[in-house]
């Protein structure tokens, strides 16, 4: 099975979502001076979206910094994106940006800190996703 890596700003919405999943996860730090996690296994990235009205700046700078490392990037298997539906077409845009640049799928999108339905779908979906990943390796 793979792991989870996530980024959450000071608002804490993504952190609350990941905590409620009950799955061990490494957090990308808010402060650029703090050390980055170094996943030893494949992982799914959970990240919020911070885009302006044109979609610029959707991916948090710390996530870009994390993925700029080739070893970390090659372990990325999928993306789960958060956002706010009030922002229309830029809702969860960071997931699309990372997925396209890293050639991985967007597995799910949720709003703010997610709902109970989101939690259930992500838990079930991750279980199926990692089982499928294992079967393609064997």
N, C-alpha and C. Protein backbone atom coordinates (compact mmCIF):
# COMPACT_ATOMS: atom_id res chain seq x y z
N UNK A 1 0.84 -1.19 0.00
CA UNK A 1 0.00 0.00 0.00
C UNK A 1 0.87 1.24 0.00
N UNK A 2 0.32 2.32 -0.51
CA UNK A 2 1.04 3.57 -0.56
C UNK A 2 0.68 4.47 0.60
N UNK A 3 1.21 5.67 0.56
CA UNK A 3 0.99 6.61 1.63
C UNK A 3 0.29 7.87 1.16
N UNK A 4 0.14 8.78 2.08
CA UNK A 4 -0.44 10.08 1.81
C UNK A 4 0.56 11.16 2.19
N UNK A 5 0.65 12.17 1.36
CA UNK A 5 1.40 13.38 1.66
C UNK A 5 0.42 14.52 1.42
N UNK A 6 0.43 15.52 2.28
CA UNK A 6 -0.52 16.62 2.09
C UNK A 6 0.08 17.95 2.47
N UNK A 7 -0.54 18.99 1.92
CA UNK A 7 -0.21 20.36 2.29
C UNK A 7 -1.48 21.00 2.82
N UNK A 8 -1.35 21.73 3.90
CA UNK A 8 -2.48 22.49 4.44
C UNK A 8 -1.95 23.84 4.91
N UNK A 9 -2.66 24.88 4.57
CA UNK A 9 -2.28 26.22 5.01
C UNK A 9 -2.70 26.41 6.47
N UNK A 10 -2.52 27.60 6.95
CA UNK A 10 -2.89 27.90 8.33
C UNK A 10 -4.40 27.76 8.59
N UNK A 11 -5.22 27.85 7.54
CA UNK A 11 -6.67 27.67 7.72
C UNK A 11 -6.97 26.27 8.24
N UNK A 12 -6.13 25.31 7.89
CA UNK A 12 -6.25 23.95 8.43
C UNK A 12 -7.30 23.07 7.81
N UNK A 13 -8.00 23.52 6.76
CA UNK A 13 -9.06 22.69 6.18
C UNK A 13 -8.54 21.35 5.68
N UNK A 14 -7.47 21.36 4.91
CA UNK A 14 -6.93 20.10 4.37
C UNK A 14 -6.40 19.23 5.50
N UNK A 15 -5.78 19.84 6.49
CA UNK A 15 -5.29 19.07 7.65
C UNK A 15 -6.45 18.37 8.35
N UNK A 16 -7.55 19.08 8.56
CA UNK A 16 -8.72 18.47 9.22
C UNK A 16 -9.24 17.30 8.40
N UNK A 17 -9.29 17.47 7.09
CA UNK A 17 -9.77 16.39 6.22
C UNK A 17 -8.88 15.16 6.35
N UNK A 18 -7.58 15.36 6.21
CA UNK A 18 -6.63 14.22 6.26
C UNK A 18 -6.67 13.57 7.64
N UNK A 19 -6.75 14.35 8.71
CA UNK A 19 -6.83 13.80 10.05
C UNK A 19 -8.07 12.93 10.20
N UNK A 20 -9.19 13.41 9.68
CA UNK A 20 -10.44 12.65 9.78
C UNK A 20 -10.41 11.37 8.95
N UNK A 21 -9.55 11.29 7.94
CA UNK A 21 -9.41 10.04 7.17
C UNK A 21 -8.85 8.92 8.04
N UNK A 22 -8.03 9.29 9.04
CA UNK A 22 -7.45 8.29 9.92
C UNK A 22 -6.35 7.47 9.26
N UNK A 23 -5.72 8.02 8.22
CA UNK A 23 -4.64 7.35 7.50
C UNK A 23 -3.35 8.10 7.81
N UNK A 24 -2.29 7.36 8.08
CA UNK A 24 -1.00 8.01 8.33
C UNK A 24 -0.62 8.88 7.14
N UNK A 25 -0.18 10.09 7.41
CA UNK A 25 0.16 11.02 6.33
C UNK A 25 1.30 11.92 6.76
N UNK A 26 2.13 12.27 5.78
CA UNK A 26 3.23 13.22 6.02
C UNK A 26 2.78 14.59 5.53
N UNK A 27 3.10 15.61 6.30
CA UNK A 27 2.67 16.97 5.96
C UNK A 27 3.82 17.78 5.36
N UNK A 28 3.55 18.41 4.24
CA UNK A 28 4.49 19.37 3.66
C UNK A 28 4.40 20.61 4.54
N UNK A 29 5.52 21.10 5.06
CA UNK A 29 5.47 22.22 6.01
C UNK A 29 5.03 23.53 5.36
N UNK A 30 4.44 24.38 6.18
CA UNK A 30 4.04 25.72 5.74
C UNK A 30 5.27 26.59 5.56
N UNK A 31 6.20 26.49 6.50
CA UNK A 31 7.39 27.33 6.46
C UNK A 31 8.43 26.78 5.50
N UNK A 32 8.93 27.60 4.59
CA UNK A 32 9.95 27.14 3.64
C UNK A 32 11.24 26.68 4.31
N UNK A 33 11.48 27.11 5.55
CA UNK A 33 12.69 26.72 6.24
C UNK A 33 12.63 25.34 6.87
N UNK A 34 11.43 24.78 7.01
CA UNK A 34 11.28 23.47 7.64
C UNK A 34 11.59 22.36 6.65
N UNK A 35 12.09 21.21 7.14
CA UNK A 35 12.44 20.11 6.24
C UNK A 35 11.21 19.49 5.57
N UNK A 36 11.39 19.09 4.33
CA UNK A 36 10.33 18.43 3.56
C UNK A 36 10.26 16.96 3.95
N UNK A 37 9.06 16.37 3.88
CA UNK A 37 8.98 14.92 4.08
C UNK A 37 9.71 14.21 2.94
N UNK A 38 10.19 13.02 3.22
CA UNK A 38 10.91 12.23 2.22
C UNK A 38 10.23 10.87 2.13
N UNK A 39 9.14 10.77 1.37
CA UNK A 39 8.41 9.50 1.30
C UNK A 39 9.31 8.38 0.76
N UNK A 40 9.19 7.22 1.39
CA UNK A 40 9.98 6.07 0.96
C UNK A 40 9.17 5.14 0.06
N UNK A 41 7.89 5.44 -0.08
CA UNK A 41 7.01 4.60 -0.90
C UNK A 41 6.13 5.48 -1.77
N UNK A 42 5.46 4.88 -2.76
CA UNK A 42 4.53 5.68 -3.58
C UNK A 42 3.48 6.35 -2.69
N UNK A 43 3.00 7.51 -3.15
CA UNK A 43 2.04 8.26 -2.35
C UNK A 43 1.03 8.98 -3.23
N UNK A 44 -0.07 9.35 -2.58
CA UNK A 44 -1.08 10.23 -3.16
C UNK A 44 -0.93 11.57 -2.46
N UNK A 45 -0.98 12.65 -3.22
CA UNK A 45 -0.84 14.00 -2.70
C UNK A 45 -2.22 14.62 -2.51
N UNK A 46 -2.46 15.19 -1.34
CA UNK A 46 -3.70 15.91 -1.05
C UNK A 46 -3.32 17.38 -0.90
N UNK A 47 -3.98 18.25 -1.67
CA UNK A 47 -3.60 19.67 -1.62
C UNK A 47 -4.79 20.58 -1.88
N UNK A 48 -4.74 21.77 -1.28
CA UNK A 48 -5.77 22.78 -1.53
C UNK A 48 -5.41 23.60 -2.76
N UNK A 49 -6.35 24.40 -3.21
CA UNK A 49 -6.15 25.28 -4.36
C UNK A 49 -6.15 26.73 -3.89
N UNK A 50 -5.18 27.50 -4.38
CA UNK A 50 -5.11 28.93 -4.10
C UNK A 50 -4.93 29.65 -5.42
N UNK A 51 -5.99 29.85 -6.15
CA UNK A 51 -5.88 30.50 -7.46
C UNK A 51 -6.51 31.88 -7.40
N UNK A 52 -5.98 32.76 -8.25
CA UNK A 52 -6.66 34.04 -8.41
C UNK A 52 -7.82 33.81 -9.40
N UNK A 53 -8.53 34.84 -9.76
CA UNK A 53 -9.67 34.71 -10.66
C UNK A 53 -9.33 34.15 -12.03
N UNK A 54 -8.07 34.23 -12.41
CA UNK A 54 -7.62 33.70 -13.71
C UNK A 54 -7.04 32.30 -13.58
N UNK A 55 -6.95 31.78 -12.37
CA UNK A 55 -6.38 30.44 -12.17
C UNK A 55 -4.90 30.44 -11.87
N UNK A 56 -4.28 31.61 -11.82
CA UNK A 56 -2.84 31.69 -11.53
C UNK A 56 -2.59 31.41 -10.05
N UNK A 57 -1.46 30.79 -9.76
CA UNK A 57 -1.08 30.53 -8.37
C UNK A 57 -1.88 29.43 -7.71
N UNK A 58 -2.48 28.54 -8.49
CA UNK A 58 -3.35 27.50 -7.93
C UNK A 58 -2.61 26.54 -7.01
N UNK A 59 -1.39 26.18 -7.38
CA UNK A 59 -0.62 25.22 -6.58
C UNK A 59 0.22 25.98 -5.55
N UNK A 60 0.05 25.64 -4.27
CA UNK A 60 0.85 26.32 -3.24
C UNK A 60 2.35 26.19 -3.51
N UNK A 61 3.09 27.25 -3.24
CA UNK A 61 4.54 27.27 -3.51
C UNK A 61 5.29 26.13 -2.82
N UNK A 62 4.88 25.78 -1.61
CA UNK A 62 5.55 24.69 -0.90
C UNK A 62 5.33 23.34 -1.60
N UNK A 63 4.18 23.16 -2.22
CA UNK A 63 3.91 21.93 -2.97
C UNK A 63 4.81 21.88 -4.21
N UNK A 64 4.94 23.01 -4.88
CA UNK A 64 5.84 23.09 -6.04
C UNK A 64 7.26 22.72 -5.60
N UNK A 65 7.69 23.31 -4.50
CA UNK A 65 9.04 23.03 -3.98
C UNK A 65 9.19 21.53 -3.68
N UNK A 66 8.19 20.93 -3.05
CA UNK A 66 8.20 19.50 -2.73
C UNK A 66 8.34 18.66 -4.00
N UNK A 67 7.54 18.99 -5.01
CA UNK A 67 7.53 18.19 -6.24
C UNK A 67 8.70 18.49 -7.16
N UNK A 68 9.43 19.56 -6.92
CA UNK A 68 10.61 19.86 -7.73
C UNK A 68 11.74 18.86 -7.50
N UNK A 69 11.65 18.07 -6.44
CA UNK A 69 12.64 17.03 -6.18
C UNK A 69 12.26 15.79 -7.00
N UNK A 70 13.13 15.34 -7.91
CA UNK A 70 12.80 14.22 -8.80
C UNK A 70 12.46 12.92 -8.06
N UNK A 71 13.14 12.64 -6.95
CA UNK A 71 12.87 11.40 -6.21
C UNK A 71 11.46 11.41 -5.63
N UNK A 72 11.07 12.55 -5.05
CA UNK A 72 9.71 12.64 -4.50
C UNK A 72 8.68 12.59 -5.63
N UNK A 73 8.93 13.32 -6.69
CA UNK A 73 7.99 13.40 -7.81
C UNK A 73 7.74 12.02 -8.44
N UNK A 74 8.79 11.20 -8.56
CA UNK A 74 8.60 9.91 -9.21
C UNK A 74 7.77 8.93 -8.36
N UNK A 75 7.60 9.22 -7.08
CA UNK A 75 6.77 8.37 -6.21
C UNK A 75 5.30 8.79 -6.20
N UNK A 76 5.00 9.94 -6.79
CA UNK A 76 3.62 10.44 -6.83
C UNK A 76 2.77 9.56 -7.74
N UNK A 77 1.64 9.08 -7.23
CA UNK A 77 0.76 8.21 -8.01
C UNK A 77 -0.61 8.80 -8.32
N UNK A 78 -1.01 9.83 -7.57
CA UNK A 78 -2.32 10.43 -7.79
C UNK A 78 -2.48 11.67 -6.92
N UNK A 79 -3.55 12.42 -7.21
CA UNK A 79 -3.80 13.68 -6.52
C UNK A 79 -5.25 13.74 -6.05
N UNK A 80 -5.43 14.26 -4.85
CA UNK A 80 -6.76 14.58 -4.32
C UNK A 80 -6.72 16.08 -4.04
N UNK A 81 -7.66 16.81 -4.62
CA UNK A 81 -7.62 18.27 -4.55
C UNK A 81 -8.80 18.84 -3.78
N UNK A 82 -8.50 19.88 -3.01
CA UNK A 82 -9.52 20.62 -2.27
C UNK A 82 -9.70 21.99 -2.90
N UNK A 83 -10.84 22.57 -2.63
CA UNK A 83 -11.11 23.91 -3.14
C UNK A 83 -12.39 24.45 -2.54
N UNK A 84 -12.84 25.53 -3.12
CA UNK A 84 -14.08 26.19 -2.69
C UNK A 84 -14.92 26.38 -3.94
N UNK A 85 -16.11 25.80 -3.95
CA UNK A 85 -16.98 25.86 -5.13
C UNK A 85 -17.38 27.29 -5.50
N UNK A 86 -17.25 28.23 -4.54
CA UNK A 86 -17.56 29.63 -4.84
C UNK A 86 -16.66 30.19 -5.94
N UNK A 87 -15.52 29.54 -6.18
CA UNK A 87 -14.58 30.04 -7.18
C UNK A 87 -14.78 29.41 -8.55
N UNK A 88 -15.91 28.74 -8.74
CA UNK A 88 -16.33 28.25 -10.06
C UNK A 88 -15.31 27.38 -10.76
N UNK A 89 -14.84 27.84 -11.93
CA UNK A 89 -13.97 27.02 -12.77
C UNK A 89 -12.61 26.75 -12.15
N UNK A 90 -12.23 27.51 -11.14
CA UNK A 90 -10.94 27.24 -10.50
C UNK A 90 -11.09 26.31 -9.28
N UNK A 91 -12.29 25.77 -9.05
CA UNK A 91 -12.51 24.83 -7.94
C UNK A 91 -11.54 23.65 -8.08
N UNK A 92 -10.72 23.43 -7.05
CA UNK A 92 -9.77 22.30 -6.99
C UNK A 92 -8.80 22.27 -8.18
N UNK A 93 -8.55 23.42 -8.76
CA UNK A 93 -7.68 23.53 -9.93
C UNK A 93 -6.26 23.02 -9.68
N UNK A 94 -5.75 23.15 -8.48
CA UNK A 94 -4.39 22.70 -8.16
C UNK A 94 -4.22 21.22 -8.51
N UNK A 95 -5.24 20.43 -8.27
CA UNK A 95 -5.17 19.00 -8.59
C UNK A 95 -4.97 18.77 -10.07
N UNK A 96 -5.70 19.52 -10.90
CA UNK A 96 -5.57 19.38 -12.35
C UNK A 96 -4.17 19.79 -12.81
N UNK A 97 -3.65 20.87 -12.24
CA UNK A 97 -2.32 21.37 -12.62
C UNK A 97 -1.25 20.32 -12.29
N UNK A 98 -1.26 19.81 -11.06
CA UNK A 98 -0.27 18.82 -10.65
C UNK A 98 -0.42 17.53 -11.46
N UNK A 99 -1.66 17.09 -11.64
CA UNK A 99 -1.90 15.85 -12.39
C UNK A 99 -1.35 15.96 -13.81
N UNK A 100 -1.61 17.07 -14.45
CA UNK A 100 -1.14 17.25 -15.82
C UNK A 100 0.39 17.31 -15.87
N UNK A 101 0.99 18.08 -15.00
CA UNK A 101 2.46 18.23 -15.01
C UNK A 101 3.18 16.94 -14.64
N UNK A 102 2.58 16.13 -13.77
CA UNK A 102 3.25 14.92 -13.28
C UNK A 102 2.69 13.64 -13.91
N UNK A 103 1.73 13.77 -14.81
CA UNK A 103 1.15 12.62 -15.52
C UNK A 103 0.58 11.57 -14.56
N UNK A 104 -0.22 12.04 -13.60
CA UNK A 104 -0.92 11.16 -12.67
C UNK A 104 -2.40 11.56 -12.67
N UNK A 105 -3.29 10.67 -12.19
CA UNK A 105 -4.71 11.02 -12.18
C UNK A 105 -5.13 11.88 -11.00
N UNK A 106 -6.18 12.68 -11.22
CA UNK A 106 -6.88 13.33 -10.11
C UNK A 106 -7.87 12.28 -9.62
N UNK A 107 -7.73 11.87 -8.39
CA UNK A 107 -8.55 10.80 -7.85
C UNK A 107 -9.86 11.31 -7.25
N UNK A 108 -9.85 12.54 -6.73
CA UNK A 108 -11.04 13.06 -6.07
C UNK A 108 -10.89 14.55 -5.86
N UNK A 109 -12.03 15.23 -5.75
CA UNK A 109 -12.06 16.66 -5.41
C UNK A 109 -13.06 16.84 -4.27
N UNK A 110 -12.72 17.69 -3.31
CA UNK A 110 -13.65 17.97 -2.22
C UNK A 110 -13.61 19.44 -1.89
N UNK A 111 -14.65 19.89 -1.20
CA UNK A 111 -14.75 21.30 -0.85
C UNK A 111 -14.34 21.53 0.61
N UNK A 112 -13.50 22.57 0.81
CA UNK A 112 -13.07 23.03 2.12
C UNK A 112 -12.50 21.89 2.97
N UNK A 113 -13.14 21.51 4.08
CA UNK A 113 -12.62 20.43 4.92
C UNK A 113 -13.32 19.10 4.63
N UNK A 114 -14.12 19.05 3.58
CA UNK A 114 -14.78 17.81 3.18
C UNK A 114 -15.98 17.45 4.04
N UNK A 115 -16.82 16.60 3.50
CA UNK A 115 -18.02 16.13 4.19
C UNK A 115 -17.81 14.66 4.60
N UNK A 116 -18.76 14.13 5.34
CA UNK A 116 -18.70 12.70 5.71
C UNK A 116 -18.72 11.83 4.45
N UNK A 117 -19.49 12.25 3.45
CA UNK A 117 -19.54 11.52 2.18
C UNK A 117 -18.17 11.54 1.50
N UNK A 118 -17.53 12.70 1.50
CA UNK A 118 -16.18 12.80 0.93
C UNK A 118 -15.22 11.84 1.63
N UNK A 119 -15.26 11.83 2.95
CA UNK A 119 -14.38 10.95 3.72
C UNK A 119 -14.59 9.49 3.35
N UNK A 120 -15.84 9.07 3.28
CA UNK A 120 -16.14 7.68 2.94
C UNK A 120 -15.67 7.35 1.52
N UNK A 121 -15.94 8.24 0.58
CA UNK A 121 -15.53 8.00 -0.81
C UNK A 121 -14.02 7.95 -0.96
N UNK A 122 -13.32 8.84 -0.29
CA UNK A 122 -11.86 8.86 -0.39
C UNK A 122 -11.26 7.62 0.27
N UNK A 123 -11.76 7.25 1.43
CA UNK A 123 -11.25 6.05 2.11
C UNK A 123 -11.43 4.82 1.23
N UNK A 124 -12.63 4.64 0.72
CA UNK A 124 -12.92 3.50 -0.16
C UNK A 124 -12.12 3.59 -1.46
N UNK A 125 -12.07 4.78 -2.04
CA UNK A 125 -11.36 4.98 -3.30
C UNK A 125 -9.87 4.72 -3.17
N UNK A 126 -9.25 5.18 -2.08
CA UNK A 126 -7.82 4.94 -1.87
C UNK A 126 -7.54 3.45 -1.71
N UNK A 127 -8.42 2.76 -1.00
CA UNK A 127 -8.24 1.32 -0.83
C UNK A 127 -8.27 0.62 -2.19
N UNK A 128 -9.25 0.95 -3.02
CA UNK A 128 -9.33 0.36 -4.37
C UNK A 128 -8.13 0.76 -5.22
N UNK A 129 -7.73 2.05 -5.13
CA UNK A 129 -6.62 2.56 -5.93
C UNK A 129 -5.33 1.81 -5.61
N UNK A 130 -5.01 1.67 -4.32
CA UNK A 130 -3.76 1.00 -3.95
C UNK A 130 -3.79 -0.47 -4.30
N UNK A 131 -4.94 -1.12 -4.18
CA UNK A 131 -5.05 -2.53 -4.60
C UNK A 131 -4.82 -2.67 -6.08
N UNK A 132 -5.35 -1.72 -6.86
CA UNK A 132 -5.14 -1.74 -8.32
C UNK A 132 -3.67 -1.50 -8.65
N UNK A 133 -3.02 -0.59 -7.92
CA UNK A 133 -1.60 -0.31 -8.13
C UNK A 133 -0.78 -1.57 -7.86
N UNK A 134 -1.10 -2.27 -6.79
CA UNK A 134 -0.39 -3.51 -6.45
C UNK A 134 -0.55 -4.56 -7.54
N UNK A 135 -1.77 -4.69 -8.05
CA UNK A 135 -2.02 -5.73 -9.06
C UNK A 135 -1.30 -5.45 -10.38
N UNK A 136 -1.00 -4.17 -10.67
CA UNK A 136 -0.27 -3.86 -11.90
C UNK A 136 1.22 -4.08 -11.74
N UNK A 137 1.70 -4.11 -10.50
CA UNK A 137 3.12 -4.33 -10.23
C UNK A 137 3.45 -5.82 -10.25
N UNK A 138 2.53 -6.62 -9.76
CA UNK A 138 2.76 -8.07 -9.63
C UNK A 138 2.72 -8.76 -10.97
